[in-house]
Amino acid sequence: MGYTHSITVPLDWEEAVARTKEALGRQGLGVLTEIDVRAVLTAEISRESADRIGDYLILGTWNPHLANRGLLTERELGALLPCNVVVRRAVGATETTIEAVDALVLTRISGNPAIREVADDLDTRLKAAMERLRVG
C-alpha cells in the first residue's frame, strides 16, 4: 500500500523548498510546522548521521476549513493532522524529491465514509501542488 505522492524535480534545495511552499499556498494549504530533519540529526546525533539522510524538511500543511470539517466529523482525526509534505535531497544530488501524504490514506485509517469527502478535497489540492512543481 503506497501512502505518498512523489515527484523528483531538477531544482536545487532552496528553490525546491520555496517552490513547494508556493505551490501549496496556491492550493490553500498553509505550512503550520517545519522540521529541518538534517539540523535536528546534526544537533542530536551526529553530522555523519545527518549527512547520510541529506537535506530533509518536513512541512506540516493544512487547510483550516478542511481541518474543521474533518474534526467536526471525527475528533480523532487530529492525530493525523497536519498532513506532511517532505522535501528531501541526498548529499551531492542534482535533483530534489517532494513527497506528499496520500490524503486518501485518511479514509482507510478512519473507515468513516464522511471523511472521504474531506480527504478527496485535500488529495486534489496536494496533487495539484505536486503537478505545479512538476511542470514548473
N, C-alpha and C. Protein backbone atom coordinates (compact mmCIF):
# COMPACT_ATOMS: atom_id res chain seq x y z
N MET A 1 0.85 -1.18 0.00
CA MET A 1 0.00 0.00 0.00
C MET A 1 0.89 1.24 0.00
N GLY A 2 0.78 2.07 -1.01
CA GLY A 2 1.51 3.32 -1.04
C GLY A 2 0.82 4.35 -0.17
N TYR A 3 1.57 5.28 0.34
CA TYR A 3 0.96 6.31 1.17
C TYR A 3 1.44 7.71 0.85
N THR A 4 2.17 7.87 -0.28
CA THR A 4 2.58 9.21 -0.69
C THR A 4 2.42 9.40 -2.19
N HIS A 5 2.37 10.66 -2.57
CA HIS A 5 2.52 11.07 -3.96
C HIS A 5 3.94 11.63 -4.02
N SER A 6 4.72 11.26 -5.01
CA SER A 6 6.13 11.64 -5.05
C SER A 6 6.53 12.10 -6.44
N ILE A 7 7.33 13.16 -6.45
CA ILE A 7 7.94 13.63 -7.70
C ILE A 7 9.39 13.98 -7.42
N THR A 8 10.19 13.92 -8.44
CA THR A 8 11.58 14.35 -8.36
C THR A 8 11.78 15.42 -9.42
N VAL A 9 12.33 16.55 -9.00
CA VAL A 9 12.47 17.70 -9.89
C VAL A 9 13.92 18.16 -9.95
N PRO A 10 14.33 18.73 -11.09
CA PRO A 10 15.71 19.21 -11.24
C PRO A 10 15.91 20.60 -10.64
N LEU A 11 15.62 20.73 -9.36
CA LEU A 11 15.73 22.02 -8.68
C LEU A 11 16.76 21.90 -7.56
N ASP A 12 17.47 23.01 -7.31
CA ASP A 12 18.36 22.99 -6.15
C ASP A 12 17.51 23.05 -4.89
N TRP A 13 18.15 22.84 -3.77
CA TRP A 13 17.45 22.72 -2.49
C TRP A 13 16.60 23.95 -2.16
N GLU A 14 17.20 25.13 -2.17
CA GLU A 14 16.48 26.33 -1.77
C GLU A 14 15.29 26.61 -2.69
N GLU A 15 15.50 26.43 -3.98
CA GLU A 15 14.40 26.67 -4.93
C GLU A 15 13.29 25.65 -4.76
N ALA A 16 13.65 24.40 -4.53
CA ALA A 16 12.64 23.35 -4.33
C ALA A 16 11.79 23.64 -3.10
N VAL A 17 12.42 24.05 -2.01
CA VAL A 17 11.67 24.38 -0.79
C VAL A 17 10.74 25.56 -1.04
N ALA A 18 11.27 26.63 -1.61
CA ALA A 18 10.47 27.83 -1.87
C ALA A 18 9.30 27.52 -2.81
N ARG A 19 9.58 26.80 -3.88
CA ARG A 19 8.52 26.49 -4.86
C ARG A 19 7.48 25.54 -4.28
N THR A 20 7.91 24.63 -3.40
CA THR A 20 6.95 23.73 -2.76
C THR A 20 5.98 24.52 -1.89
N LYS A 21 6.51 25.42 -1.08
CA LYS A 21 5.66 26.24 -0.22
C LYS A 21 4.71 27.10 -1.05
N GLU A 22 5.22 27.66 -2.14
CA GLU A 22 4.39 28.49 -3.02
C GLU A 22 3.28 27.65 -3.66
N ALA A 23 3.60 26.47 -4.14
CA ALA A 23 2.61 25.60 -4.79
C ALA A 23 1.54 25.17 -3.79
N LEU A 24 1.94 24.86 -2.57
CA LEU A 24 0.96 24.51 -1.54
C LEU A 24 0.06 25.70 -1.24
N GLY A 25 0.64 26.88 -1.10
CA GLY A 25 -0.13 28.08 -0.83
C GLY A 25 -1.17 28.37 -1.89
N ARG A 26 -0.81 28.14 -3.14
CA ARG A 26 -1.76 28.36 -4.24
C ARG A 26 -2.96 27.42 -4.16
N GLN A 27 -2.81 26.32 -3.44
CA GLN A 27 -3.90 25.37 -3.25
C GLN A 27 -4.61 25.57 -1.91
N GLY A 28 -4.31 26.68 -1.24
CA GLY A 28 -4.97 26.98 0.02
C GLY A 28 -4.42 26.17 1.19
N LEU A 29 -3.21 25.66 1.04
CA LEU A 29 -2.60 24.84 2.09
C LEU A 29 -1.47 25.63 2.74
N GLY A 30 -1.67 25.95 3.99
CA GLY A 30 -0.65 26.68 4.74
C GLY A 30 0.33 25.72 5.39
N VAL A 31 1.50 26.24 5.74
CA VAL A 31 2.51 25.44 6.42
C VAL A 31 2.48 25.85 7.90
N LEU A 32 2.05 24.92 8.75
CA LEU A 32 1.97 25.16 10.19
C LEU A 32 3.29 24.88 10.89
N THR A 33 3.98 23.85 10.40
CA THR A 33 5.23 23.44 11.05
C THR A 33 6.28 23.14 10.00
N GLU A 34 7.53 23.33 10.39
CA GLU A 34 8.67 22.97 9.55
C GLU A 34 9.67 22.26 10.44
N ILE A 35 10.04 21.06 10.07
CA ILE A 35 11.04 20.32 10.81
C ILE A 35 12.23 20.11 9.88
N ASP A 36 13.35 20.71 10.23
CA ASP A 36 14.59 20.53 9.48
C ASP A 36 15.28 19.30 10.07
N VAL A 37 15.00 18.16 9.48
CA VAL A 37 15.50 16.88 10.00
C VAL A 37 17.01 16.85 10.03
N ARG A 38 17.64 17.39 9.00
CA ARG A 38 19.10 17.40 8.96
C ARG A 38 19.68 18.17 10.15
N ALA A 39 19.13 19.33 10.44
CA ALA A 39 19.61 20.13 11.57
C ALA A 39 19.39 19.41 12.89
N VAL A 40 18.25 18.77 13.04
CA VAL A 40 17.95 18.06 14.28
C VAL A 40 18.91 16.88 14.45
N LEU A 41 19.13 16.11 13.38
CA LEU A 41 20.05 14.98 13.47
C LEU A 41 21.47 15.43 13.76
N THR A 42 21.88 16.54 13.14
CA THR A 42 23.22 17.07 13.41
C THR A 42 23.36 17.44 14.89
N ALA A 43 22.35 18.09 15.42
CA ALA A 43 22.41 18.55 16.81
C ALA A 43 22.26 17.42 17.82
N GLU A 44 21.44 16.43 17.49
CA GLU A 44 21.12 15.42 18.50
C GLU A 44 21.81 14.07 18.31
N ILE A 45 22.31 13.80 17.11
CA ILE A 45 23.01 12.52 16.89
C ILE A 45 24.42 12.81 16.41
N SER A 46 24.57 13.15 15.14
CA SER A 46 25.90 13.49 14.62
C SER A 46 25.77 14.04 13.22
N ARG A 47 26.79 14.78 12.80
CA ARG A 47 26.83 15.30 11.44
C ARG A 47 26.86 14.14 10.44
N GLU A 48 27.57 13.09 10.76
CA GLU A 48 27.66 11.93 9.86
C GLU A 48 26.28 11.31 9.63
N SER A 49 25.51 11.18 10.70
CA SER A 49 24.16 10.64 10.56
C SER A 49 23.30 11.55 9.68
N ALA A 50 23.40 12.84 9.93
CA ALA A 50 22.63 13.81 9.14
C ALA A 50 23.04 13.77 7.68
N ASP A 51 24.34 13.63 7.43
CA ASP A 51 24.82 13.57 6.04
C ASP A 51 24.29 12.34 5.31
N ARG A 52 24.08 11.26 6.03
CA ARG A 52 23.52 10.06 5.39
C ARG A 52 22.08 10.30 4.93
N ILE A 53 21.36 11.13 5.67
CA ILE A 53 19.98 11.48 5.30
C ILE A 53 19.97 12.58 4.24
N GLY A 54 20.85 13.55 4.37
CA GLY A 54 20.88 14.68 3.45
C GLY A 54 19.92 15.77 3.88
N ASP A 55 19.64 16.69 2.98
CA ASP A 55 18.67 17.75 3.27
C ASP A 55 17.29 17.10 3.35
N TYR A 56 16.55 17.42 4.40
CA TYR A 56 15.27 16.75 4.62
C TYR A 56 14.40 17.67 5.46
N LEU A 57 13.35 18.18 4.85
CA LEU A 57 12.45 19.12 5.51
C LEU A 57 11.04 18.54 5.51
N ILE A 58 10.43 18.50 6.69
CA ILE A 58 9.04 18.05 6.81
C ILE A 58 8.18 19.29 7.02
N LEU A 59 7.25 19.51 6.09
CA LEU A 59 6.32 20.63 6.16
C LEU A 59 4.96 20.11 6.63
N GLY A 60 4.50 20.58 7.76
CA GLY A 60 3.17 20.21 8.24
C GLY A 60 2.15 21.15 7.64
N THR A 61 1.39 20.65 6.66
CA THR A 61 0.47 21.51 5.92
C THR A 61 -0.98 21.24 6.30
N TRP A 62 -1.80 22.27 6.10
CA TRP A 62 -3.23 22.08 6.32
C TRP A 62 -4.03 23.22 5.75
N ASN A 63 -5.30 22.99 5.64
CA ASN A 63 -6.27 24.00 5.26
C ASN A 63 -7.26 24.06 6.42
N PRO A 64 -7.43 25.23 7.05
CA PRO A 64 -8.27 25.29 8.25
C PRO A 64 -9.72 24.87 8.01
N HIS A 65 -10.25 25.15 6.83
CA HIS A 65 -11.64 24.77 6.55
C HIS A 65 -11.79 23.26 6.43
N LEU A 66 -10.83 22.62 5.76
CA LEU A 66 -10.87 21.16 5.65
C LEU A 66 -10.65 20.51 7.01
N ALA A 67 -9.71 21.06 7.79
CA ALA A 67 -9.44 20.52 9.12
C ALA A 67 -10.70 20.64 9.99
N ASN A 68 -11.36 21.78 9.91
CA ASN A 68 -12.58 21.99 10.69
C ASN A 68 -13.65 20.96 10.32
N ARG A 69 -13.86 20.78 9.01
CA ARG A 69 -14.86 19.79 8.56
C ARG A 69 -14.50 18.39 9.05
N GLY A 70 -13.23 18.04 8.92
CA GLY A 70 -12.80 16.71 9.34
C GLY A 70 -12.94 16.51 10.84
N LEU A 71 -12.53 17.50 11.62
CA LEU A 71 -12.60 17.37 13.08
C LEU A 71 -14.02 17.36 13.60
N LEU A 72 -14.92 18.09 12.93
CA LEU A 72 -16.33 18.05 13.32
C LEU A 72 -16.94 16.68 13.02
N THR A 73 -16.41 16.01 12.00
CA THR A 73 -16.89 14.68 11.64
C THR A 73 -16.31 13.61 12.55
N GLU A 74 -15.03 13.76 12.85
CA GLU A 74 -14.33 12.72 13.63
C GLU A 74 -13.21 13.39 14.44
N ARG A 75 -13.42 13.56 15.71
CA ARG A 75 -12.48 14.28 16.57
C ARG A 75 -11.09 13.65 16.58
N GLU A 76 -11.00 12.34 16.44
CA GLU A 76 -9.71 11.64 16.48
C GLU A 76 -8.82 11.99 15.29
N LEU A 77 -9.40 12.59 14.26
CA LEU A 77 -8.65 12.93 13.05
C LEU A 77 -7.46 13.85 13.36
N GLY A 78 -7.55 14.59 14.43
CA GLY A 78 -6.46 15.49 14.81
C GLY A 78 -5.13 14.77 14.99
N ALA A 79 -5.16 13.50 15.31
CA ALA A 79 -3.92 12.73 15.46
C ALA A 79 -3.20 12.58 14.13
N LEU A 80 -3.90 12.79 13.03
CA LEU A 80 -3.32 12.66 11.70
C LEU A 80 -3.03 14.01 11.04
N LEU A 81 -3.24 15.08 11.79
CA LEU A 81 -3.02 16.43 11.25
C LEU A 81 -1.79 17.05 11.88
N PRO A 82 -1.11 17.97 11.24
CA PRO A 82 -1.33 18.35 9.84
C PRO A 82 -0.82 17.26 8.89
N CYS A 83 -1.15 17.41 7.63
CA CYS A 83 -0.69 16.47 6.62
C CYS A 83 0.73 16.85 6.20
N ASN A 84 1.59 15.87 6.16
CA ASN A 84 3.00 16.16 5.90
C ASN A 84 3.36 16.14 4.42
N VAL A 85 4.22 17.09 4.08
CA VAL A 85 4.86 17.14 2.77
C VAL A 85 6.36 17.17 3.07
N VAL A 86 7.10 16.31 2.39
CA VAL A 86 8.54 16.20 2.62
C VAL A 86 9.28 16.72 1.39
N VAL A 87 10.30 17.53 1.64
CA VAL A 87 11.23 17.96 0.60
C VAL A 87 12.57 17.36 1.01
N ARG A 88 13.17 16.53 0.13
CA ARG A 88 14.41 15.86 0.52
C ARG A 88 15.39 15.80 -0.65
N ARG A 89 16.66 15.78 -0.29
CA ARG A 89 17.71 15.76 -1.30
C ARG A 89 18.95 15.13 -0.69
N ALA A 90 19.45 14.11 -1.33
CA ALA A 90 20.66 13.43 -0.87
C ALA A 90 21.87 14.32 -1.07
N VAL A 91 22.87 14.12 -0.24
CA VAL A 91 24.12 14.87 -0.37
C VAL A 91 24.70 14.62 -1.76
N GLY A 92 25.05 15.68 -2.47
CA GLY A 92 25.63 15.57 -3.80
C GLY A 92 24.64 15.33 -4.92
N ALA A 93 23.36 15.26 -4.61
CA ALA A 93 22.34 15.02 -5.64
C ALA A 93 22.13 16.26 -6.50
N THR A 94 21.62 16.05 -7.70
CA THR A 94 21.30 17.16 -8.59
C THR A 94 19.79 17.37 -8.72
N GLU A 95 19.02 16.53 -8.04
CA GLU A 95 17.57 16.64 -8.08
C GLU A 95 17.03 16.60 -6.65
N THR A 96 15.82 17.09 -6.50
CA THR A 96 15.16 17.13 -5.20
C THR A 96 13.84 16.38 -5.31
N THR A 97 13.53 15.60 -4.29
CA THR A 97 12.29 14.84 -4.25
C THR A 97 11.31 15.51 -3.31
N ILE A 98 10.06 15.59 -3.77
CA ILE A 98 8.97 16.12 -2.94
C ILE A 98 7.94 15.02 -2.82
N GLU A 99 7.54 14.76 -1.58
CA GLU A 99 6.54 13.72 -1.31
C GLU A 99 5.44 14.30 -0.45
N ALA A 100 4.21 14.03 -0.83
CA ALA A 100 3.05 14.47 -0.05
C ALA A 100 2.26 13.24 0.36
N VAL A 101 1.73 13.29 1.57
CA VAL A 101 0.91 12.18 2.03
C VAL A 101 -0.27 11.99 1.06
N ASP A 102 -0.62 10.76 0.79
CA ASP A 102 -1.83 10.45 0.02
C ASP A 102 -2.99 10.62 1.00
N ALA A 103 -3.75 11.69 0.85
CA ALA A 103 -4.81 12.01 1.82
C ALA A 103 -5.88 10.93 1.87
N LEU A 104 -5.98 10.12 0.85
CA LEU A 104 -6.98 9.05 0.89
C LEU A 104 -6.62 7.98 1.91
N VAL A 105 -5.38 7.99 2.38
CA VAL A 105 -4.99 7.10 3.47
C VAL A 105 -5.86 7.39 4.70
N LEU A 106 -6.24 8.66 4.86
CA LEU A 106 -7.11 9.02 5.98
C LEU A 106 -8.40 8.21 5.98
N THR A 107 -8.94 7.99 4.79
CA THR A 107 -10.20 7.24 4.72
C THR A 107 -9.98 5.77 5.05
N ARG A 108 -8.82 5.25 4.68
CA ARG A 108 -8.54 3.85 5.01
C ARG A 108 -8.29 3.68 6.50
N ILE A 109 -7.65 4.64 7.12
CA ILE A 109 -7.39 4.57 8.56
C ILE A 109 -8.69 4.78 9.33
N SER A 110 -9.46 5.77 8.93
CA SER A 110 -10.68 6.15 9.65
C SER A 110 -11.80 5.13 9.48
N GLY A 111 -12.05 4.74 8.26
CA GLY A 111 -13.20 3.88 7.99
C GLY A 111 -14.52 4.64 7.98
N ASN A 112 -14.49 5.94 8.22
CA ASN A 112 -15.69 6.77 8.25
C ASN A 112 -15.92 7.34 6.86
N PRO A 113 -17.02 6.95 6.20
CA PRO A 113 -17.28 7.44 4.84
C PRO A 113 -17.36 8.97 4.74
N ALA A 114 -17.75 9.65 5.80
CA ALA A 114 -17.87 11.11 5.77
C ALA A 114 -16.50 11.77 5.66
N ILE A 115 -15.45 11.09 6.08
CA ILE A 115 -14.10 11.64 5.98
C ILE A 115 -13.65 11.63 4.52
N ARG A 116 -14.24 10.76 3.71
CA ARG A 116 -13.85 10.62 2.30
C ARG A 116 -13.94 11.94 1.55
N GLU A 117 -14.99 12.70 1.78
CA GLU A 117 -15.18 13.98 1.10
C GLU A 117 -14.04 14.96 1.41
N VAL A 118 -13.69 15.05 2.67
CA VAL A 118 -12.61 15.93 3.09
C VAL A 118 -11.28 15.45 2.51
N ALA A 119 -11.05 14.15 2.58
CA ALA A 119 -9.80 13.57 2.07
C ALA A 119 -9.69 13.76 0.56
N ASP A 120 -10.80 13.61 -0.15
CA ASP A 120 -10.78 13.82 -1.61
C ASP A 120 -10.37 15.25 -1.94
N ASP A 121 -10.95 16.22 -1.22
CA ASP A 121 -10.63 17.63 -1.45
C ASP A 121 -9.15 17.89 -1.17
N LEU A 122 -8.67 17.41 -0.03
CA LEU A 122 -7.27 17.60 0.33
C LEU A 122 -6.35 16.93 -0.68
N ASP A 123 -6.67 15.71 -1.08
CA ASP A 123 -5.82 14.99 -2.02
C ASP A 123 -5.76 15.71 -3.37
N THR A 124 -6.88 16.25 -3.81
CA THR A 124 -6.91 17.02 -5.05
C THR A 124 -5.97 18.22 -4.95
N ARG A 125 -5.99 18.90 -3.83
CA ARG A 125 -5.12 20.06 -3.62
C ARG A 125 -3.64 19.66 -3.61
N LEU A 126 -3.33 18.58 -2.89
CA LEU A 126 -1.94 18.11 -2.82
C LEU A 126 -1.43 17.70 -4.20
N LYS A 127 -2.26 16.97 -4.95
CA LYS A 127 -1.86 16.55 -6.30
C LYS A 127 -1.67 17.75 -7.22
N ALA A 128 -2.52 18.75 -7.10
CA ALA A 128 -2.39 19.96 -7.93
C ALA A 128 -1.10 20.69 -7.59
N ALA A 129 -0.74 20.76 -6.33
CA ALA A 129 0.51 21.40 -5.94
C ALA A 129 1.70 20.63 -6.50
N MET A 130 1.64 19.31 -6.45
CA MET A 130 2.72 18.48 -6.98
C MET A 130 2.83 18.65 -8.49
N GLU A 131 1.71 18.72 -9.16
CA GLU A 131 1.72 18.91 -10.61
C GLU A 131 2.34 20.26 -10.97
N ARG A 132 2.02 21.27 -10.21
CA ARG A 132 2.60 22.60 -10.45
C ARG A 132 4.11 22.55 -10.33
N LEU A 133 4.60 21.82 -9.37
CA LEU A 133 6.06 21.67 -9.21
C LEU A 133 6.65 20.88 -10.36
N ARG A 134 5.94 19.86 -10.80
CA ARG A 134 6.46 19.01 -11.87
C ARG A 134 6.59 19.76 -13.19
N VAL A 135 5.61 20.59 -13.52
CA VAL A 135 5.64 21.28 -14.81
C VAL A 135 6.35 22.62 -14.75
N GLY A 136 6.65 23.07 -13.55
CA GLY A 136 7.41 24.33 -13.43
C GLY A 136 6.50 25.46 -13.34
